[in-house]
Amino acid sequence: MDLWFPLLPRTSYRSQIFGVMDADNIVPFEAPKPPPRSSAIPMKNDLVEKAAEIVPDPLVLVNLVSKRVAQLNQGRAPLIDALPSMGFADIALTEIIEGKIKLIEQPKA
């Protein structure tokens, strides 16, 4: 026993079910924006300036903060009491300012 189904063009089938989409029957809407991740919150400038007093080389400071932010993104716990409004970079900078994270220079061979 063979079953036979008529093959209709997809546009015909879709238009039969959903109707025709014209500019008159399209309703624009704005999708809600997802809440920002904590690492997407911009750094506070005063924290950067205070941390720059402790680690004067900006390249070293950037690397130190980025390594700590990566650790926080992986689930490591902050070493300070962090506020919900603080991003991961702010937490890392505050840890540097409070002396929780220190730069240890390796002796050159």
N, C-alpha and C. Protein backbone atom coordinates (compact mmCIF):
# COMPACT_ATOMS: atom_id res chain seq x y z
N MET A 1 0.84 -1.17 0.00
CA MET A 1 0.00 0.00 0.00
C MET A 1 0.89 1.23 0.00
N ASP A 2 0.75 2.05 -0.98
CA ASP A 2 1.52 3.27 -1.13
C ASP A 2 0.67 4.46 -0.71
N LEU A 3 1.30 5.35 0.07
CA LEU A 3 0.63 6.59 0.43
C LEU A 3 1.11 7.68 -0.50
N TRP A 4 0.22 8.51 -0.89
CA TRP A 4 0.58 9.58 -1.81
C TRP A 4 0.18 10.91 -1.19
N PHE A 5 1.16 11.81 -1.09
CA PHE A 5 0.90 13.15 -0.58
C PHE A 5 1.20 14.13 -1.69
N PRO A 6 0.31 15.06 -1.94
CA PRO A 6 0.60 16.05 -2.97
C PRO A 6 1.72 16.98 -2.48
N LEU A 7 2.66 17.26 -3.34
CA LEU A 7 3.76 18.15 -3.00
C LEU A 7 3.36 19.58 -3.38
N LEU A 8 3.26 20.41 -2.40
CA LEU A 8 2.94 21.82 -2.62
C LEU A 8 4.19 22.65 -2.41
N PRO A 9 4.33 23.72 -3.13
CA PRO A 9 5.48 24.60 -2.87
C PRO A 9 5.42 25.12 -1.43
N ARG A 10 6.57 25.29 -0.82
CA ARG A 10 6.61 25.72 0.58
C ARG A 10 5.94 27.08 0.78
N THR A 11 6.14 27.99 -0.14
CA THR A 11 5.54 29.31 0.03
C THR A 11 4.02 29.20 0.02
N SER A 12 3.50 28.33 -0.78
CA SER A 12 2.06 28.15 -0.84
C SER A 12 1.54 27.58 0.47
N TYR A 13 2.22 26.58 1.00
CA TYR A 13 1.80 25.94 2.25
C TYR A 13 1.91 26.91 3.41
N ARG A 14 3.01 27.65 3.47
CA ARG A 14 3.19 28.62 4.54
C ARG A 14 2.16 29.74 4.48
N SER A 15 1.89 30.20 3.30
CA SER A 15 0.93 31.29 3.18
C SER A 15 -0.48 30.81 3.52
N GLN A 16 -0.77 29.53 3.29
CA GLN A 16 -2.08 29.01 3.68
C GLN A 16 -2.23 28.95 5.19
N ILE A 17 -1.16 28.61 5.87
CA ILE A 17 -1.24 28.47 7.33
C ILE A 17 -1.03 29.81 8.03
N PHE A 18 0.01 30.53 7.66
CA PHE A 18 0.36 31.74 8.39
C PHE A 18 -0.16 33.02 7.76
N GLY A 19 -0.62 32.95 6.57
CA GLY A 19 -1.07 34.15 5.89
C GLY A 19 0.10 34.87 5.25
N VAL A 20 -0.19 35.97 4.61
CA VAL A 20 0.83 36.73 3.91
C VAL A 20 1.37 37.79 4.86
N MET A 21 2.69 37.94 4.89
CA MET A 21 3.29 38.95 5.75
C MET A 21 3.50 40.23 4.95
N ASP A 22 2.76 41.24 5.30
CA ASP A 22 2.91 42.56 4.71
C ASP A 22 3.41 43.51 5.77
N ALA A 23 3.78 44.70 5.34
CA ALA A 23 4.22 45.72 6.30
C ALA A 23 3.09 46.13 7.23
N ASP A 24 1.85 45.89 6.82
CA ASP A 24 0.70 46.28 7.63
C ASP A 24 0.48 45.34 8.82
N ASN A 25 0.86 44.08 8.68
CA ASN A 25 0.56 43.13 9.75
C ASN A 25 1.81 42.66 10.52
N ILE A 26 2.92 43.38 10.39
CA ILE A 26 4.12 43.06 11.16
C ILE A 26 4.19 44.01 12.34
N VAL A 27 4.30 43.45 13.52
CA VAL A 27 4.34 44.26 14.73
C VAL A 27 5.80 44.32 15.21
N PRO A 28 6.41 45.50 15.20
CA PRO A 28 7.80 45.59 15.69
C PRO A 28 7.83 45.49 17.21
N PHE A 29 8.86 44.89 17.73
CA PHE A 29 9.05 44.82 19.17
C PHE A 29 10.54 44.83 19.47
N GLU A 30 10.85 45.24 20.66
CA GLU A 30 12.25 45.25 21.10
C GLU A 30 12.43 44.12 22.10
N ALA A 31 13.39 43.29 21.82
CA ALA A 31 13.70 42.21 22.75
C ALA A 31 14.35 42.80 23.99
N PRO A 32 14.02 42.28 25.15
CA PRO A 32 14.66 42.81 26.36
C PRO A 32 16.15 42.51 26.35
N LYS A 33 16.93 43.48 26.82
CA LYS A 33 18.37 43.30 26.86
C LYS A 33 18.72 42.42 28.06
N PRO A 34 19.64 41.48 27.87
CA PRO A 34 20.02 40.66 29.02
C PRO A 34 20.79 41.50 30.03
N PRO A 35 20.70 41.13 31.30
CA PRO A 35 21.45 41.90 32.29
C PRO A 35 22.94 41.75 32.04
N PRO A 36 23.71 42.80 32.30
CA PRO A 36 25.15 42.72 32.03
C PRO A 36 25.82 41.73 32.96
N ARG A 37 26.79 41.01 32.41
CA ARG A 37 27.59 40.14 33.24
C ARG A 37 28.48 41.02 34.10
N SER A 38 28.90 40.48 35.19
CA SER A 38 29.68 41.31 36.10
C SER A 38 31.02 41.71 35.50
N SER A 39 31.55 40.93 34.55
CA SER A 39 32.80 41.35 33.93
C SER A 39 32.57 42.41 32.84
N ALA A 40 31.32 42.65 32.48
CA ALA A 40 31.02 43.65 31.46
C ALA A 40 30.85 45.04 32.06
N ILE A 41 30.83 45.13 33.37
CA ILE A 41 30.69 46.43 34.03
C ILE A 41 32.03 47.16 33.92
N PRO A 42 32.02 48.40 33.45
CA PRO A 42 33.31 49.11 33.28
C PRO A 42 33.99 49.36 34.63
N MET A 43 35.32 49.45 34.56
CA MET A 43 36.12 49.69 35.77
C MET A 43 35.91 51.12 36.26
N LYS A 44 36.07 51.27 37.55
CA LYS A 44 35.99 52.61 38.14
C LYS A 44 37.37 53.26 38.05
N ASN A 45 37.40 54.47 37.56
CA ASN A 45 38.66 55.16 37.29
C ASN A 45 39.48 55.39 38.56
N ASP A 46 38.83 55.68 39.69
CA ASP A 46 39.58 55.92 40.91
C ASP A 46 40.31 54.66 41.38
N LEU A 47 39.71 53.49 41.15
CA LEU A 47 40.39 52.24 41.51
C LEU A 47 41.63 52.02 40.65
N VAL A 48 41.52 52.37 39.38
CA VAL A 48 42.66 52.22 38.47
C VAL A 48 43.81 53.13 38.92
N GLU A 49 43.48 54.37 39.30
CA GLU A 49 44.52 55.30 39.74
C GLU A 49 45.18 54.84 41.03
N LYS A 50 44.40 54.33 41.98
CA LYS A 50 44.98 53.84 43.24
C LYS A 50 45.85 52.61 43.00
N ALA A 51 45.41 51.71 42.13
CA ALA A 51 46.19 50.52 41.84
C ALA A 51 47.46 50.88 41.07
N ALA A 52 47.41 51.94 40.27
CA ALA A 52 48.59 52.37 39.52
C ALA A 52 49.66 52.94 40.44
N GLU A 53 49.27 53.40 41.63
CA GLU A 53 50.26 53.84 42.61
C GLU A 53 51.02 52.64 43.19
N ILE A 54 50.34 51.50 43.27
CA ILE A 54 50.97 50.29 43.83
C ILE A 54 51.77 49.56 42.77
N VAL A 55 51.19 49.43 41.57
CA VAL A 55 51.88 48.78 40.44
C VAL A 55 52.07 49.86 39.38
N PRO A 56 53.23 50.53 39.36
CA PRO A 56 53.39 51.70 38.49
C PRO A 56 53.45 51.38 36.99
N ASP A 57 53.89 50.19 36.62
CA ASP A 57 53.99 49.85 35.20
C ASP A 57 52.60 49.47 34.69
N PRO A 58 52.02 50.24 33.74
CA PRO A 58 50.66 49.95 33.28
C PRO A 58 50.52 48.59 32.60
N LEU A 59 51.57 48.13 31.91
CA LEU A 59 51.48 46.83 31.26
C LEU A 59 51.40 45.70 32.28
N VAL A 60 52.16 45.84 33.35
CA VAL A 60 52.13 44.83 34.41
C VAL A 60 50.78 44.87 35.12
N LEU A 61 50.25 46.07 35.36
CA LEU A 61 48.95 46.20 36.02
C LEU A 61 47.85 45.57 35.18
N VAL A 62 47.87 45.82 33.89
CA VAL A 62 46.86 45.23 33.00
C VAL A 62 46.94 43.71 33.03
N ASN A 63 48.15 43.17 32.97
CA ASN A 63 48.31 41.72 33.00
C ASN A 63 47.88 41.14 34.34
N LEU A 64 48.20 41.82 35.42
CA LEU A 64 47.83 41.35 36.75
C LEU A 64 46.31 41.32 36.90
N VAL A 65 45.67 42.40 36.47
CA VAL A 65 44.21 42.47 36.57
C VAL A 65 43.55 41.44 35.65
N SER A 66 44.06 41.29 34.44
CA SER A 66 43.42 40.36 33.50
C SER A 66 43.56 38.91 33.97
N LYS A 67 44.70 38.56 34.56
CA LYS A 67 44.86 37.20 35.10
C LYS A 67 43.87 36.95 36.23
N ARG A 68 43.70 37.95 37.10
CA ARG A 68 42.78 37.78 38.23
C ARG A 68 41.33 37.74 37.75
N VAL A 69 40.99 38.55 36.75
CA VAL A 69 39.63 38.54 36.19
C VAL A 69 39.35 37.17 35.57
N ALA A 70 40.33 36.59 34.89
CA ALA A 70 40.15 35.25 34.32
C ALA A 70 39.89 34.23 35.43
N GLN A 71 40.61 34.34 36.55
CA GLN A 71 40.37 33.43 37.67
C GLN A 71 38.97 33.60 38.24
N LEU A 72 38.53 34.85 38.38
CA LEU A 72 37.18 35.11 38.89
C LEU A 72 36.12 34.59 37.93
N ASN A 73 36.36 34.73 36.63
CA ASN A 73 35.41 34.20 35.64
C ASN A 73 35.32 32.68 35.71
N GLN A 74 36.40 32.03 36.11
CA GLN A 74 36.40 30.58 36.21
C GLN A 74 35.77 30.08 37.50
N GLY A 75 35.39 31.01 38.38
CA GLY A 75 34.68 30.61 39.59
C GLY A 75 35.46 30.77 40.87
N ARG A 76 36.66 31.32 40.83
CA ARG A 76 37.42 31.56 42.06
C ARG A 76 36.70 32.59 42.91
N ALA A 77 36.79 32.47 44.20
CA ALA A 77 36.11 33.39 45.12
C ALA A 77 36.92 34.67 45.28
N PRO A 78 36.25 35.81 45.40
CA PRO A 78 36.97 37.06 45.65
C PRO A 78 37.64 37.03 47.02
N LEU A 79 38.76 37.71 47.14
CA LEU A 79 39.50 37.79 48.40
C LEU A 79 39.02 38.94 49.28
N ILE A 80 38.04 39.69 48.79
CA ILE A 80 37.48 40.82 49.52
C ILE A 80 35.98 40.64 49.60
N ASP A 81 35.33 41.46 50.41
CA ASP A 81 33.86 41.48 50.43
C ASP A 81 33.40 42.32 49.25
N ALA A 82 32.93 41.65 48.21
CA ALA A 82 32.55 42.34 46.98
C ALA A 82 31.08 42.74 47.03
N LEU A 83 30.81 43.90 46.52
CA LEU A 83 29.43 44.38 46.38
C LEU A 83 28.86 43.85 45.07
N PRO A 84 27.53 43.70 44.97
CA PRO A 84 26.94 43.23 43.71
C PRO A 84 27.19 44.19 42.54
N SER A 85 27.43 45.46 42.83
CA SER A 85 27.65 46.43 41.75
C SER A 85 29.08 46.40 41.23
N MET A 86 29.94 45.63 41.85
CA MET A 86 31.34 45.59 41.43
C MET A 86 31.53 44.56 40.33
N GLY A 87 32.23 44.96 39.29
CA GLY A 87 32.59 44.02 38.24
C GLY A 87 33.84 43.25 38.65
N PHE A 88 34.20 42.26 37.86
CA PHE A 88 35.37 41.46 38.19
C PHE A 88 36.65 42.30 38.16
N ALA A 89 36.74 43.26 37.26
CA ALA A 89 37.92 44.12 37.20
C ALA A 89 38.00 44.99 38.45
N ASP A 90 36.87 45.48 38.93
CA ASP A 90 36.86 46.27 40.16
C ASP A 90 37.29 45.43 41.35
N ILE A 91 36.84 44.19 41.39
CA ILE A 91 37.25 43.29 42.47
C ILE A 91 38.75 43.07 42.43
N ALA A 92 39.29 42.81 41.23
CA ALA A 92 40.73 42.58 41.09
C ALA A 92 41.52 43.82 41.49
N LEU A 93 41.07 44.99 41.07
CA LEU A 93 41.77 46.23 41.44
C LEU A 93 41.72 46.48 42.94
N THR A 94 40.57 46.22 43.56
CA THR A 94 40.44 46.41 45.00
C THR A 94 41.33 45.42 45.75
N GLU A 95 41.44 44.21 45.24
CA GLU A 95 42.33 43.23 45.88
C GLU A 95 43.79 43.70 45.81
N ILE A 96 44.16 44.32 44.70
CA ILE A 96 45.53 44.85 44.58
C ILE A 96 45.72 46.02 45.55
N ILE A 97 44.74 46.91 45.62
CA ILE A 97 44.83 48.08 46.50
C ILE A 97 44.92 47.66 47.96
N GLU A 98 44.13 46.66 48.36
CA GLU A 98 44.12 46.22 49.75
C GLU A 98 45.29 45.28 50.08
N GLY A 99 46.13 44.97 49.11
CA GLY A 99 47.29 44.14 49.37
C GLY A 99 47.00 42.65 49.39
N LYS A 100 45.84 42.24 48.93
CA LYS A 100 45.50 40.81 48.89
C LYS A 100 46.23 40.11 47.75
N ILE A 101 46.54 40.87 46.71
CA ILE A 101 47.29 40.33 45.57
C ILE A 101 48.56 41.18 45.45
N LYS A 102 49.69 40.51 45.40
CA LYS A 102 50.96 41.22 45.29
C LYS A 102 51.73 40.67 44.10
N LEU A 103 52.51 41.52 43.50
CA LEU A 103 53.36 41.13 42.40
C LEU A 103 54.70 40.69 42.97
N ILE A 104 55.06 39.46 42.69
CA ILE A 104 56.35 38.92 43.15
C ILE A 104 57.23 38.78 41.92
N GLU A 105 58.33 39.50 41.95
CA GLU A 105 59.24 39.44 40.80
C GLU A 105 60.18 38.25 40.94
N GLN A 106 60.33 37.52 39.86
CA GLN A 106 61.22 36.37 39.83
C GLN A 106 62.64 36.86 39.65
N PRO A 107 63.59 36.28 40.37
CA PRO A 107 64.98 36.69 40.15
C PRO A 107 65.43 36.25 38.75
N LYS A 108 66.14 37.16 38.09
CA LYS A 108 66.59 36.87 36.74
C LYS A 108 67.81 35.96 36.78
N ALA A 109 67.79 34.97 35.94
CA ALA A 109 68.89 34.00 35.94
C ALA A 109 70.06 34.47 35.13
